[in-house]
């Protein structure tokens, strides 16, 4: 996200920390599926993304 300020021509770019935090949480959940059967109709990554 970019914001233009009224102070001259400065441009500010804000980091998207929420997306970074969401990725870390999903990654940590995905690690708990290390021994999840690959024959399952639902993938481990789908479950981790859904919050399981």
Protein backbone atom coordinates (compact mmCIF):
# COMPACT_ATOMS: atom_id res chain seq x y z
CA UNK A 1 0.00 0.00 0.00
CA UNK A 2 1.37 3.40 -0.92
CA UNK A 3 0.40 6.76 0.52
CA UNK A 4 1.34 10.15 -0.82
CA UNK A 5 1.87 12.74 1.85
CA UNK A 6 1.14 16.42 1.71
CA UNK A 7 4.71 17.14 2.82
CA UNK A 8 6.44 17.67 -0.49
CA UNK A 9 6.82 14.63 -2.70
CA UNK A 10 7.46 11.98 -0.06
CA UNK A 11 5.90 8.60 -0.63
CA UNK A 12 5.35 6.14 2.18
CA UNK A 13 5.05 2.39 1.73
CA UNK A 14 3.59 0.44 4.61
CA UNK A 15 4.62 -3.16 5.21
CA UNK A 16 1.82 -5.69 5.10
CA UNK A 17 2.58 -7.32 8.45
CA UNK A 18 -0.80 -9.04 8.65
CA UNK A 19 -0.02 -11.15 5.58
CA UNK A 20 3.40 -12.03 6.99
CA UNK A 21 1.84 -13.11 10.29
CA UNK A 22 -0.83 -15.14 8.47
CA UNK A 23 1.84 -16.91 6.45
CA UNK A 24 3.85 -17.80 9.57
CA UNK A 25 0.74 -19.15 11.31
CA UNK A 26 -0.22 -21.21 8.26
CA UNK A 27 3.35 -22.49 7.90
CA UNK A 28 3.42 -23.53 11.56
CA UNK A 29 0.09 -25.35 11.19
CA UNK A 30 1.34 -27.08 8.05
CA UNK A 31 4.34 -28.44 9.95
CA UNK A 32 1.93 -30.32 12.25
CA UNK A 33 0.78 -32.36 9.22
CA UNK A 34 4.25 -33.88 8.66
CA UNK A 35 2.91 -37.46 8.79
CA UNK A 36 -0.45 -36.70 7.18
CA UNK A 37 -1.41 -39.41 4.64
CA UNK A 38 -0.94 -38.31 1.05
CA UNK A 39 -3.91 -40.50 0.09
CA UNK A 40 -6.29 -38.18 1.96
CA UNK A 41 -8.89 -36.48 -0.28
CA UNK A 42 -8.00 -33.15 1.36
CA UNK A 43 -4.38 -31.98 1.28
CA UNK A 44 -2.45 -30.93 4.35
CA UNK A 45 -1.89 -27.47 2.87
CA UNK A 46 -5.63 -27.00 2.33
CA UNK A 47 -6.33 -27.91 5.94
CA UNK A 48 -3.55 -25.63 7.24
CA UNK A 49 -4.85 -22.75 5.10
CA UNK A 50 -8.34 -23.35 6.54
CA UNK A 51 -7.01 -23.02 10.08
CA UNK A 52 -6.72 -26.65 11.15
